Amino acid sequence: MARAAQKRTLETRARLVAAANAVIDEVGYQGLRVEHVVLRAGVAKGTFFAHFRDKDALMELLIGSRINTFLDQIETLPAPQSVDDMTDALMPMMQFMTCERYVFDVIMRYSGAAACEDIGTIATTFGRQIDVMISWLADGPFRKDISAELLAEGVQAFSVQAMALIFCALHNETDLRARMTLYLNAWLTPASW
């Protein structure tokens, strides 16, 4: 009997996630409302809250899953041989992460940097991104005076900074790709190297 309840619970959760994705396709992440999701999934509002603490908990799962999809694609790419290659590899994920201010805000809140109590999907993607970049940087044609792990952490920090400046009224004149290329050239191929 417990198995049937578990299967039904998983099916209901999958329906909620599918409904949320359909709503996002229509109105974006910011426009999603719990009411839209439960209506589309054909469940009661209480059922939603039995599966997700709140809207942000659902968003953390959906956005984190999407970032993981980008990381799956990135992992299949050959190791970058230049800053332009690395920027090209990271750009689709970064463009998604900045597709809406709300998406970027959720990512920052759940990245682990804001001292979240739970390590969820988004925080896990930040660790996974570092691991992918370590393998790229260890053997790549980039500076060798510091560890590949520190290089990867720097690339991630610069990517967050580049994305954040898109939403800054004072510093948004430079596009994401140009800013990322500038940062990575300075970080990965400094003149003194």
N, C-alpha and C. Protein backbone atom coordinates (compact mmCIF):
# COMPACT_ATOMS: atom_id res chain seq x y z
N MET A 1 0.81 -1.19 0.00
CA MET A 1 0.00 0.00 0.00
C MET A 1 0.86 1.27 0.00
N ALA A 2 1.97 1.25 0.74
CA ALA A 2 2.84 2.42 0.79
C ALA A 2 3.43 2.72 -0.58
N ARG A 3 3.72 1.69 -1.36
CA ARG A 3 4.27 1.89 -2.70
C ARG A 3 3.29 2.64 -3.60
N ALA A 4 2.01 2.32 -3.52
CA ALA A 4 1.01 2.99 -4.34
C ALA A 4 0.94 4.47 -3.99
N ALA A 5 1.00 4.78 -2.70
CA ALA A 5 0.98 6.18 -2.28
C ALA A 5 2.22 6.90 -2.78
N GLN A 6 3.37 6.23 -2.71
CA GLN A 6 4.60 6.85 -3.17
C GLN A 6 4.52 7.10 -4.68
N LYS A 7 4.03 6.14 -5.43
CA LYS A 7 3.91 6.32 -6.88
C LYS A 7 2.97 7.48 -7.19
N ARG A 8 1.84 7.54 -6.49
CA ARG A 8 0.89 8.62 -6.71
C ARG A 8 1.51 9.97 -6.34
N THR A 9 2.27 10.01 -5.26
CA THR A 9 2.94 11.24 -4.84
C THR A 9 3.92 11.71 -5.91
N LEU A 10 4.69 10.78 -6.45
CA LEU A 10 5.65 11.13 -7.50
C LEU A 10 4.95 11.61 -8.76
N GLU A 11 3.85 10.96 -9.10
CA GLU A 11 3.10 11.38 -10.28
C GLU A 11 2.50 12.78 -10.10
N THR A 12 1.98 13.05 -8.90
CA THR A 12 1.42 14.37 -8.62
C THR A 12 2.50 15.44 -8.70
N ARG A 13 3.65 15.16 -8.11
CA ARG A 13 4.76 16.11 -8.16
C ARG A 13 5.18 16.36 -9.61
N ALA A 14 5.25 15.30 -10.39
CA ALA A 14 5.62 15.44 -11.81
C ALA A 14 4.58 16.28 -12.55
N ARG A 15 3.30 16.10 -12.23
CA ARG A 15 2.25 16.92 -12.85
C ARG A 15 2.40 18.39 -12.47
N LEU A 16 2.72 18.66 -11.23
CA LEU A 16 2.93 20.04 -10.79
C LEU A 16 4.12 20.67 -11.51
N VAL A 17 5.21 19.93 -11.65
CA VAL A 17 6.40 20.44 -12.33
C VAL A 17 6.09 20.69 -13.81
N ALA A 18 5.40 19.74 -14.45
CA ALA A 18 5.04 19.91 -15.86
C ALA A 18 4.11 21.12 -16.04
N ALA A 19 3.16 21.26 -15.14
CA ALA A 19 2.24 22.40 -15.21
C ALA A 19 3.00 23.71 -15.03
N ALA A 20 3.92 23.73 -14.09
CA ALA A 20 4.71 24.95 -13.85
C ALA A 20 5.54 25.29 -15.08
N ASN A 21 6.15 24.31 -15.70
CA ASN A 21 6.93 24.57 -16.91
C ASN A 21 6.05 25.12 -18.03
N ALA A 22 4.85 24.60 -18.16
CA ALA A 22 3.92 25.09 -19.19
C ALA A 22 3.53 26.55 -18.90
N VAL A 23 3.29 26.86 -17.64
CA VAL A 23 2.93 28.24 -17.28
C VAL A 23 4.12 29.16 -17.56
N ILE A 24 5.32 28.72 -17.22
CA ILE A 24 6.51 29.54 -17.48
C ILE A 24 6.67 29.82 -18.97
N ASP A 25 6.40 28.82 -19.79
CA ASP A 25 6.49 29.02 -21.24
C ASP A 25 5.55 30.13 -21.71
N GLU A 26 4.44 30.29 -21.01
CA GLU A 26 3.45 31.30 -21.40
C GLU A 26 3.71 32.67 -20.78
N VAL A 27 4.08 32.71 -19.48
CA VAL A 27 4.15 34.00 -18.78
C VAL A 27 5.51 34.30 -18.16
N GLY A 28 6.47 33.40 -18.30
CA GLY A 28 7.79 33.60 -17.72
C GLY A 28 7.83 33.19 -16.26
N TYR A 29 9.02 33.20 -15.72
CA TYR A 29 9.21 32.79 -14.32
C TYR A 29 8.55 33.78 -13.37
N GLN A 30 8.77 35.06 -13.60
CA GLN A 30 8.21 36.09 -12.73
C GLN A 30 6.68 36.04 -12.72
N GLY A 31 6.09 35.73 -13.86
CA GLY A 31 4.63 35.73 -13.97
C GLY A 31 3.95 34.50 -13.40
N LEU A 32 4.70 33.48 -13.08
CA LEU A 32 4.10 32.25 -12.55
C LEU A 32 3.47 32.52 -11.20
N ARG A 33 2.27 32.03 -11.03
CA ARG A 33 1.56 32.08 -9.75
C ARG A 33 1.16 30.66 -9.38
N VAL A 34 1.17 30.39 -8.09
CA VAL A 34 0.78 29.06 -7.61
C VAL A 34 -0.61 28.70 -8.12
N GLU A 35 -1.49 29.67 -8.16
CA GLU A 35 -2.86 29.42 -8.63
C GLU A 35 -2.86 28.90 -10.07
N HIS A 36 -1.98 29.44 -10.91
CA HIS A 36 -1.90 28.97 -12.30
C HIS A 36 -1.44 27.52 -12.35
N VAL A 37 -0.48 27.19 -11.52
CA VAL A 37 0.09 25.83 -11.53
C VAL A 37 -0.95 24.81 -11.08
N VAL A 38 -1.64 25.08 -9.98
CA VAL A 38 -2.61 24.09 -9.48
C VAL A 38 -3.79 23.94 -10.44
N LEU A 39 -4.19 25.04 -11.04
CA LEU A 39 -5.27 24.97 -12.02
C LEU A 39 -4.87 24.09 -13.20
N ARG A 40 -3.67 24.33 -13.72
CA ARG A 40 -3.19 23.57 -14.87
C ARG A 40 -2.96 22.11 -14.51
N ALA A 41 -2.47 21.84 -13.29
CA ALA A 41 -2.20 20.46 -12.86
C ALA A 41 -3.46 19.73 -12.43
N GLY A 42 -4.54 20.48 -12.19
CA GLY A 42 -5.79 19.87 -11.76
C GLY A 42 -5.74 19.35 -10.34
N VAL A 43 -5.06 20.08 -9.46
CA VAL A 43 -4.97 19.68 -8.06
C VAL A 43 -5.37 20.85 -7.17
N ALA A 44 -5.59 20.55 -5.91
CA ALA A 44 -5.93 21.60 -4.95
C ALA A 44 -4.67 22.36 -4.54
N LYS A 45 -4.86 23.57 -4.08
CA LYS A 45 -3.74 24.39 -3.65
C LYS A 45 -2.97 23.72 -2.50
N GLY A 46 -3.70 23.07 -1.63
CA GLY A 46 -3.05 22.36 -0.52
C GLY A 46 -2.11 21.27 -1.01
N THR A 47 -2.45 20.66 -2.13
CA THR A 47 -1.59 19.64 -2.71
C THR A 47 -0.26 20.24 -3.14
N PHE A 48 -0.32 21.44 -3.72
CA PHE A 48 0.92 22.13 -4.09
C PHE A 48 1.81 22.28 -2.86
N PHE A 49 1.23 22.77 -1.77
CA PHE A 49 2.02 23.04 -0.57
C PHE A 49 2.43 21.77 0.17
N ALA A 50 1.83 20.65 -0.17
CA ALA A 50 2.31 19.37 0.36
C ALA A 50 3.61 18.95 -0.34
N HIS A 51 3.81 19.48 -1.55
CA HIS A 51 5.01 19.14 -2.33
C HIS A 51 6.08 20.22 -2.28
N PHE A 52 5.69 21.48 -2.16
CA PHE A 52 6.63 22.60 -2.18
C PHE A 52 6.30 23.56 -1.05
N ARG A 53 7.31 23.99 -0.34
CA ARG A 53 7.14 24.92 0.79
C ARG A 53 6.47 26.21 0.33
N ASP A 54 6.87 26.68 -0.86
CA ASP A 54 6.34 27.92 -1.41
C ASP A 54 6.74 28.00 -2.89
N LYS A 55 6.39 29.10 -3.52
CA LYS A 55 6.71 29.28 -4.94
C LYS A 55 8.23 29.21 -5.18
N ASP A 56 8.99 29.84 -4.28
CA ASP A 56 10.45 29.83 -4.46
C ASP A 56 11.04 28.43 -4.40
N ALA A 57 10.47 27.55 -3.59
CA ALA A 57 10.97 26.18 -3.53
C ALA A 57 10.75 25.48 -4.88
N LEU A 58 9.62 25.73 -5.51
CA LEU A 58 9.37 25.21 -6.85
C LEU A 58 10.36 25.82 -7.84
N MET A 59 10.54 27.13 -7.77
CA MET A 59 11.47 27.82 -8.67
C MET A 59 12.89 27.30 -8.51
N GLU A 60 13.31 27.05 -7.27
CA GLU A 60 14.66 26.53 -7.02
C GLU A 60 14.85 25.21 -7.75
N LEU A 61 13.84 24.36 -7.70
CA LEU A 61 13.91 23.08 -8.40
C LEU A 61 13.92 23.27 -9.92
N LEU A 62 13.02 24.10 -10.44
CA LEU A 62 12.92 24.28 -11.89
C LEU A 62 14.16 24.96 -12.47
N ILE A 63 14.61 26.03 -11.83
CA ILE A 63 15.77 26.76 -12.33
C ILE A 63 17.02 25.91 -12.18
N GLY A 64 17.17 25.24 -11.05
CA GLY A 64 18.32 24.36 -10.85
C GLY A 64 18.37 23.24 -11.87
N SER A 65 17.21 22.67 -12.17
CA SER A 65 17.15 21.60 -13.19
C SER A 65 17.57 22.12 -14.55
N ARG A 66 17.16 23.33 -14.85
CA ARG A 66 17.53 23.93 -16.14
C ARG A 66 19.03 24.20 -16.22
N ILE A 67 19.61 24.68 -15.12
CA ILE A 67 21.06 24.90 -15.09
C ILE A 67 21.77 23.56 -15.25
N ASN A 68 21.27 22.52 -14.62
CA ASN A 68 21.88 21.19 -14.78
C ASN A 68 21.83 20.72 -16.22
N THR A 69 20.78 21.04 -16.93
CA THR A 69 20.70 20.69 -18.35
C THR A 69 21.80 21.39 -19.14
N PHE A 70 22.03 22.67 -18.83
CA PHE A 70 23.14 23.38 -19.48
C PHE A 70 24.48 22.75 -19.12
N LEU A 71 24.65 22.38 -17.86
CA LEU A 71 25.91 21.75 -17.44
C LEU A 71 26.11 20.40 -18.13
N ASP A 72 25.02 19.66 -18.34
CA ASP A 72 25.12 18.40 -19.10
C ASP A 72 25.68 18.68 -20.48
N GLN A 73 25.18 19.73 -21.13
CA GLN A 73 25.65 20.09 -22.47
C GLN A 73 27.10 20.55 -22.43
N ILE A 74 27.45 21.35 -21.44
CA ILE A 74 28.82 21.86 -21.30
C ILE A 74 29.80 20.71 -21.13
N GLU A 75 29.42 19.71 -20.37
CA GLU A 75 30.32 18.57 -20.11
C GLU A 75 30.65 17.78 -21.37
N THR A 76 29.81 17.89 -22.38
CA THR A 76 30.08 17.15 -23.62
C THR A 76 31.03 17.90 -24.55
N LEU A 77 31.28 19.16 -24.25
CA LEU A 77 32.14 19.99 -25.11
C LEU A 77 33.62 19.67 -24.88
N PRO A 78 34.43 19.85 -25.91
CA PRO A 78 35.88 19.71 -25.69
C PRO A 78 36.36 20.84 -24.78
N ALA A 79 37.46 20.59 -24.09
CA ALA A 79 38.02 21.61 -23.20
C ALA A 79 38.35 22.87 -24.00
N PRO A 80 37.98 24.02 -23.50
CA PRO A 80 38.26 25.28 -24.21
C PRO A 80 39.77 25.49 -24.38
N GLN A 81 40.13 26.00 -25.54
CA GLN A 81 41.54 26.28 -25.82
C GLN A 81 41.83 27.77 -25.84
N SER A 82 40.83 28.56 -25.51
CA SER A 82 41.00 30.02 -25.47
C SER A 82 39.91 30.60 -24.59
N VAL A 83 40.07 31.86 -24.24
CA VAL A 83 39.05 32.57 -23.48
C VAL A 83 37.76 32.63 -24.29
N ASP A 84 37.87 32.86 -25.60
CA ASP A 84 36.66 32.90 -26.43
C ASP A 84 35.92 31.57 -26.41
N ASP A 85 36.67 30.45 -26.46
CA ASP A 85 36.05 29.13 -26.37
C ASP A 85 35.31 28.97 -25.05
N MET A 86 35.95 29.39 -23.96
CA MET A 86 35.32 29.25 -22.64
C MET A 86 34.08 30.13 -22.55
N THR A 87 34.17 31.34 -23.04
CA THR A 87 33.01 32.24 -23.02
C THR A 87 31.87 31.65 -23.85
N ASP A 88 32.20 31.12 -25.02
CA ASP A 88 31.17 30.49 -25.86
C ASP A 88 30.50 29.33 -25.14
N ALA A 89 31.28 28.54 -24.42
CA ALA A 89 30.73 27.38 -23.71
C ALA A 89 29.80 27.80 -22.57
N LEU A 90 30.16 28.86 -21.87
CA LEU A 90 29.38 29.30 -20.71
C LEU A 90 28.19 30.20 -21.06
N MET A 91 28.25 30.84 -22.20
CA MET A 91 27.26 31.87 -22.54
C MET A 91 25.80 31.38 -22.54
N PRO A 92 25.45 30.23 -23.13
CA PRO A 92 24.03 29.83 -23.08
C PRO A 92 23.50 29.71 -21.65
N MET A 93 24.29 29.14 -20.75
CA MET A 93 23.86 29.01 -19.36
C MET A 93 23.73 30.39 -18.72
N MET A 94 24.69 31.25 -18.96
CA MET A 94 24.65 32.59 -18.38
C MET A 94 23.48 33.41 -18.93
N GLN A 95 23.17 33.24 -20.20
CA GLN A 95 22.02 33.95 -20.77
C GLN A 95 20.72 33.48 -20.13
N PHE A 96 20.62 32.16 -19.88
CA PHE A 96 19.44 31.68 -19.16
C PHE A 96 19.38 32.27 -17.76
N MET A 97 20.52 32.27 -17.07
CA MET A 97 20.56 32.75 -15.68
C MET A 97 20.19 34.23 -15.57
N THR A 98 20.26 34.95 -16.68
CA THR A 98 19.91 36.38 -16.69
C THR A 98 18.69 36.67 -17.55
N CYS A 99 17.94 35.64 -17.92
CA CYS A 99 16.78 35.85 -18.79
C CYS A 99 15.73 36.73 -18.13
N GLU A 100 15.66 36.71 -16.81
CA GLU A 100 14.76 37.58 -16.05
C GLU A 100 15.48 37.95 -14.75
N ARG A 101 15.23 39.13 -14.27
CA ARG A 101 15.81 39.55 -12.98
C ARG A 101 15.39 38.57 -11.88
N TYR A 102 14.14 38.13 -11.92
CA TYR A 102 13.63 37.19 -10.92
C TYR A 102 14.45 35.90 -10.91
N VAL A 103 14.78 35.38 -12.09
CA VAL A 103 15.56 34.14 -12.18
C VAL A 103 16.93 34.36 -11.53
N PHE A 104 17.59 35.44 -11.88
CA PHE A 104 18.90 35.73 -11.30
C PHE A 104 18.80 35.88 -9.78
N ASP A 105 17.78 36.55 -9.31
CA ASP A 105 17.59 36.72 -7.86
C ASP A 105 17.41 35.38 -7.16
N VAL A 106 16.60 34.50 -7.72
CA VAL A 106 16.41 33.17 -7.12
C VAL A 106 17.74 32.42 -7.10
N ILE A 107 18.47 32.48 -8.19
CA ILE A 107 19.76 31.80 -8.26
C ILE A 107 20.69 32.31 -7.16
N MET A 108 20.76 33.61 -6.99
CA MET A 108 21.64 34.16 -5.96
C MET A 108 21.19 33.76 -4.56
N ARG A 109 19.88 33.77 -4.32
CA ARG A 109 19.38 33.39 -2.99
C ARG A 109 19.65 31.93 -2.67
N TYR A 110 19.61 31.07 -3.69
CA TYR A 110 19.75 29.63 -3.45
C TYR A 110 21.12 29.09 -3.83
N SER A 111 22.06 29.96 -4.14
CA SER A 111 23.39 29.51 -4.58
C SER A 111 24.24 28.97 -3.45
N GLY A 112 23.85 29.24 -2.24
CA GLY A 112 24.68 28.87 -1.10
C GLY A 112 25.42 30.08 -0.57
N ALA A 113 25.58 31.10 -1.41
CA ALA A 113 26.28 32.31 -0.99
C ALA A 113 25.48 33.09 0.04
N ALA A 114 24.18 32.90 0.05
CA ALA A 114 23.33 33.64 0.97
C ALA A 114 23.07 32.83 2.25
N ALA A 115 23.92 31.87 2.51
CA ALA A 115 23.83 31.04 3.72
C ALA A 115 22.49 30.32 3.83
N CYS A 116 22.08 29.69 2.74
CA CYS A 116 20.87 28.88 2.76
C CYS A 116 21.04 27.73 3.75
N GLU A 117 19.97 27.38 4.39
CA GLU A 117 20.03 26.25 5.32
C GLU A 117 20.13 24.93 4.57
N ASP A 118 19.45 24.82 3.46
CA ASP A 118 19.43 23.58 2.69
C ASP A 118 20.30 23.72 1.45
N ILE A 119 21.04 22.67 1.16
CA ILE A 119 21.80 22.63 -0.09
C ILE A 119 20.87 21.99 -1.12
N GLY A 120 20.37 22.81 -2.00
CA GLY A 120 19.40 22.35 -2.98
C GLY A 120 20.02 22.26 -4.37
N THR A 121 19.15 22.19 -5.34
CA THR A 121 19.55 21.99 -6.72
C THR A 121 20.46 23.11 -7.22
N ILE A 122 20.11 24.35 -6.95
CA ILE A 122 20.92 25.46 -7.45
C ILE A 122 22.30 25.47 -6.83
N ALA A 123 22.38 25.32 -5.51
CA ALA A 123 23.69 25.30 -4.85
C ALA A 123 24.56 24.16 -5.39
N THR A 124 23.95 23.04 -5.65
CA THR A 124 24.68 21.90 -6.21
C THR A 124 25.24 22.22 -7.59
N THR A 125 24.49 22.99 -8.38
CA THR A 125 24.98 23.34 -9.71
C THR A 125 26.22 24.21 -9.64
N PHE A 126 26.31 25.04 -8.61
CA PHE A 126 27.50 25.89 -8.47
C PHE A 126 28.74 25.02 -8.22
N GLY A 127 28.60 23.99 -7.41
CA GLY A 127 29.71 23.07 -7.19
C GLY A 127 30.04 22.28 -8.45
N ARG A 128 29.02 21.86 -9.14
CA ARG A 128 29.23 21.10 -10.38
C ARG A 128 29.94 21.94 -11.44
N GLN A 129 29.57 23.21 -11.54
CA GLN A 129 30.22 24.09 -12.51
C GLN A 129 31.71 24.20 -12.21
N ILE A 130 32.08 24.32 -10.95
CA ILE A 130 33.49 24.38 -10.56
C ILE A 130 34.20 23.11 -11.01
N ASP A 131 33.60 21.96 -10.75
CA ASP A 131 34.22 20.69 -11.14
C ASP A 131 34.47 20.60 -12.64
N VAL A 132 33.49 21.03 -13.43
CA VAL A 132 33.65 21.02 -14.90
C VAL A 132 34.80 21.92 -15.31
N MET A 133 34.84 23.11 -14.73
CA MET A 133 35.88 24.06 -15.13
C MET A 133 37.27 23.64 -14.65
N ILE A 134 37.36 22.96 -13.52
CA ILE A 134 38.66 22.46 -13.05
C ILE A 134 39.26 21.55 -14.11
N SER A 135 38.45 20.65 -14.64
CA SER A 135 38.97 19.73 -15.66
C SER A 135 39.39 20.48 -16.92
N TRP A 136 38.67 21.55 -17.27
CA TRP A 136 39.04 22.36 -18.43
C TRP A 136 40.36 23.09 -18.19
N LEU A 137 40.50 23.66 -17.02
CA LEU A 137 41.62 24.56 -16.74
C LEU A 137 42.91 23.83 -16.39
N ALA A 138 42.80 22.61 -15.89
CA ALA A 138 43.99 21.87 -15.47
C ALA A 138 44.94 21.63 -16.64
N ASP A 139 44.39 21.32 -17.80
CA ASP A 139 45.22 20.99 -18.95
C ASP A 139 45.16 22.04 -20.06
N GLY A 140 44.42 23.10 -19.85
CA GLY A 140 44.24 24.10 -20.89
C GLY A 140 45.41 25.08 -20.98
N PRO A 141 45.37 25.93 -21.99
CA PRO A 141 46.46 26.89 -22.22
C PRO A 141 46.29 28.18 -21.41
N PHE A 142 45.98 28.01 -20.13
CA PHE A 142 45.74 29.15 -19.27
C PHE A 142 46.82 29.23 -18.20
N ARG A 143 46.81 30.28 -17.45
CA ARG A 143 47.86 30.49 -16.45
C ARG A 143 48.03 29.25 -15.56
N LYS A 144 49.27 29.02 -15.15
CA LYS A 144 49.61 27.83 -14.36
C LYS A 144 50.19 28.19 -12.99
N ASP A 145 50.20 29.48 -12.66
CA ASP A 145 50.82 29.90 -11.40
C ASP A 145 49.91 29.71 -10.19
N ILE A 146 48.64 29.36 -10.43
CA ILE A 146 47.70 29.04 -9.35
C ILE A 146 46.95 27.78 -9.73
N SER A 147 46.31 27.17 -8.77
CA SER A 147 45.63 25.89 -9.00
C SER A 147 44.45 26.04 -9.95
N ALA A 148 44.12 24.94 -10.61
CA ALA A 148 42.95 24.92 -11.49
C ALA A 148 41.68 25.18 -10.68
N GLU A 149 41.65 24.73 -9.44
CA GLU A 149 40.47 24.98 -8.60
C GLU A 149 40.29 26.47 -8.34
N LEU A 150 41.37 27.17 -8.02
CA LEU A 150 41.26 28.61 -7.79
C LEU A 150 40.90 29.34 -9.09
N LEU A 151 41.47 28.90 -10.20
CA LEU A 151 41.09 29.48 -11.49
C LEU A 151 39.59 29.31 -11.75
N ALA A 152 39.08 28.11 -11.49
CA ALA A 152 37.66 27.82 -11.71
C ALA A 152 36.78 28.67 -10.80
N GLU A 153 37.19 28.81 -9.55
CA GLU A 153 36.41 29.65 -8.63
C GLU A 153 36.41 31.11 -9.10
N GLY A 154 37.53 31.56 -9.65
CA GLY A 154 37.59 32.91 -10.19
C GLY A 154 36.70 33.09 -11.40
N VAL A 155 36.70 32.11 -12.29
CA VAL A 155 35.82 32.19 -13.47
C VAL A 155 34.37 32.27 -13.02
N GLN A 156 34.01 31.46 -12.03
CA GLN A 156 32.64 31.49 -11.54
C GLN A 156 32.32 32.85 -10.90
N ALA A 157 33.23 33.36 -10.11
CA ALA A 157 33.01 34.66 -9.47
C ALA A 157 32.86 35.77 -10.53
N PHE A 158 33.70 35.74 -11.54
CA PHE A 158 33.59 36.74 -12.59
C PHE A 158 32.29 36.58 -13.38
N SER A 159 31.84 35.34 -13.56
CA SER A 159 30.58 35.15 -14.29
C SER A 159 29.42 35.72 -13.49
N VAL A 160 29.42 35.52 -12.18
CA VAL A 160 28.36 36.09 -11.34
C VAL A 160 28.41 37.62 -11.41
N GLN A 161 29.60 38.18 -11.34
CA GLN A 161 29.74 39.63 -11.42
C GLN A 161 29.26 40.16 -12.77
N ALA A 162 29.65 39.49 -13.84
CA ALA A 162 29.23 39.92 -15.18
C ALA A 162 27.71 39.87 -15.31
N MET A 163 27.10 38.81 -14.77
CA MET A 163 25.65 38.69 -14.83
C MET A 163 24.97 39.75 -13.97
N ALA A 164 25.50 39.99 -12.79
CA ALA A 164 24.88 40.97 -11.89
C ALA A 164 24.89 42.37 -12.51
N LEU A 165 25.95 42.70 -13.23
CA LEU A 165 26.04 44.05 -13.80
C LEU A 165 25.04 44.30 -14.93
N ILE A 166 24.48 43.25 -15.48
CA ILE A 166 23.41 43.41 -16.48
C ILE A 166 22.23 44.15 -15.86
N PHE A 167 22.01 43.91 -14.56
CA PHE A 167 20.85 44.49 -13.88
C PHE A 167 21.19 45.78 -13.14
N CYS A 168 22.41 46.27 -13.30
CA CYS A 168 22.86 47.49 -12.63
C CYS A 168 22.67 48.69 -13.55
N ALA A 169 21.91 49.65 -13.12
CA ALA A 169 21.65 50.84 -13.95
C ALA A 169 22.91 51.62 -14.27
N LEU A 170 23.89 51.56 -13.40
CA LEU A 170 25.12 52.33 -13.61
C LEU A 170 26.15 51.63 -14.49
N HIS A 171 26.06 50.30 -14.60
CA HIS A 171 27.12 49.56 -15.28
C HIS A 171 26.63 48.57 -16.33
N ASN A 172 25.45 48.75 -16.86
CA ASN A 172 24.91 47.77 -17.80
C ASN A 172 25.15 48.10 -19.26
N GLU A 173 26.06 49.04 -19.53
CA GLU A 173 26.31 49.44 -20.92
C GLU A 173 27.13 48.39 -21.69
N THR A 174 27.85 47.53 -20.99
CA THR A 174 28.65 46.49 -21.64
C THR A 174 27.86 45.19 -21.65
N ASP A 175 27.78 44.54 -22.81
CA ASP A 175 26.99 43.31 -22.87
C ASP A 175 27.71 42.16 -22.16
N LEU A 176 26.95 41.14 -21.87
CA LEU A 176 27.43 40.01 -21.07
C LEU A 176 28.66 39.35 -21.66
N ARG A 177 28.62 39.05 -22.94
CA ARG A 177 29.75 38.38 -23.60
C ARG A 177 31.02 39.23 -23.54
N ALA A 178 30.89 40.52 -23.85
CA ALA A 178 32.06 41.40 -23.84
C ALA A 178 32.65 41.52 -22.43
N ARG A 179 31.79 41.66 -21.44
CA ARG A 179 32.28 41.78 -20.07
C ARG A 179 32.95 40.48 -19.62
N MET A 180 32.34 39.36 -19.94
CA MET A 180 32.91 38.07 -19.55
C MET A 180 34.27 37.86 -20.22
N THR A 181 34.37 38.19 -21.48
CA THR A 181 35.64 38.05 -22.20
C THR A 181 36.71 38.93 -21.57
N LEU A 182 36.35 40.15 -21.24
CA LEU A 182 37.29 41.06 -20.58
C LEU A 182 37.78 40.47 -19.26
N TYR A 183 36.87 40.01 -18.43
CA TYR A 183 37.24 39.44 -17.14
C TYR A 183 38.11 38.19 -17.31
N LEU A 184 37.71 37.30 -18.20
CA LEU A 184 38.46 36.04 -18.34
C LEU A 184 39.84 36.26 -18.94
N ASN A 185 39.96 37.20 -19.87
CA ASN A 185 41.30 37.51 -20.38
C ASN A 185 42.21 37.99 -19.26
N ALA A 186 41.69 38.87 -18.40
CA ALA A 186 42.50 39.39 -17.29
C ALA A 186 42.82 38.29 -16.27
N TRP A 187 41.89 37.38 -16.04
CA TRP A 187 42.06 36.35 -15.02
C TRP A 187 42.86 35.14 -15.52
N LEU A 188 42.59 34.70 -16.72
CA LEU A 188 43.19 33.44 -17.21
C LEU A 188 44.47 33.64 -18.00
N THR A 189 44.63 34.82 -18.59
CA THR A 189 45.84 35.06 -19.40
C THR A 189 46.44 36.42 -19.06
N PRO A 190 46.82 36.63 -17.81
CA PRO A 190 47.37 37.95 -17.44
C PRO A 190 48.68 38.21 -18.17
N ALA A 191 48.98 39.48 -18.38
CA ALA A 191 50.18 39.88 -19.13
C ALA A 191 51.45 39.35 -18.49
N SER A 192 51.48 39.25 -17.16
CA SER A 192 52.69 38.78 -16.47
C SER A 192 52.89 37.28 -16.58
N TRP A 193 51.87 36.58 -17.03
CA TRP A 193 51.98 35.13 -17.13
C TRP A 193 52.82 34.81 -18.32
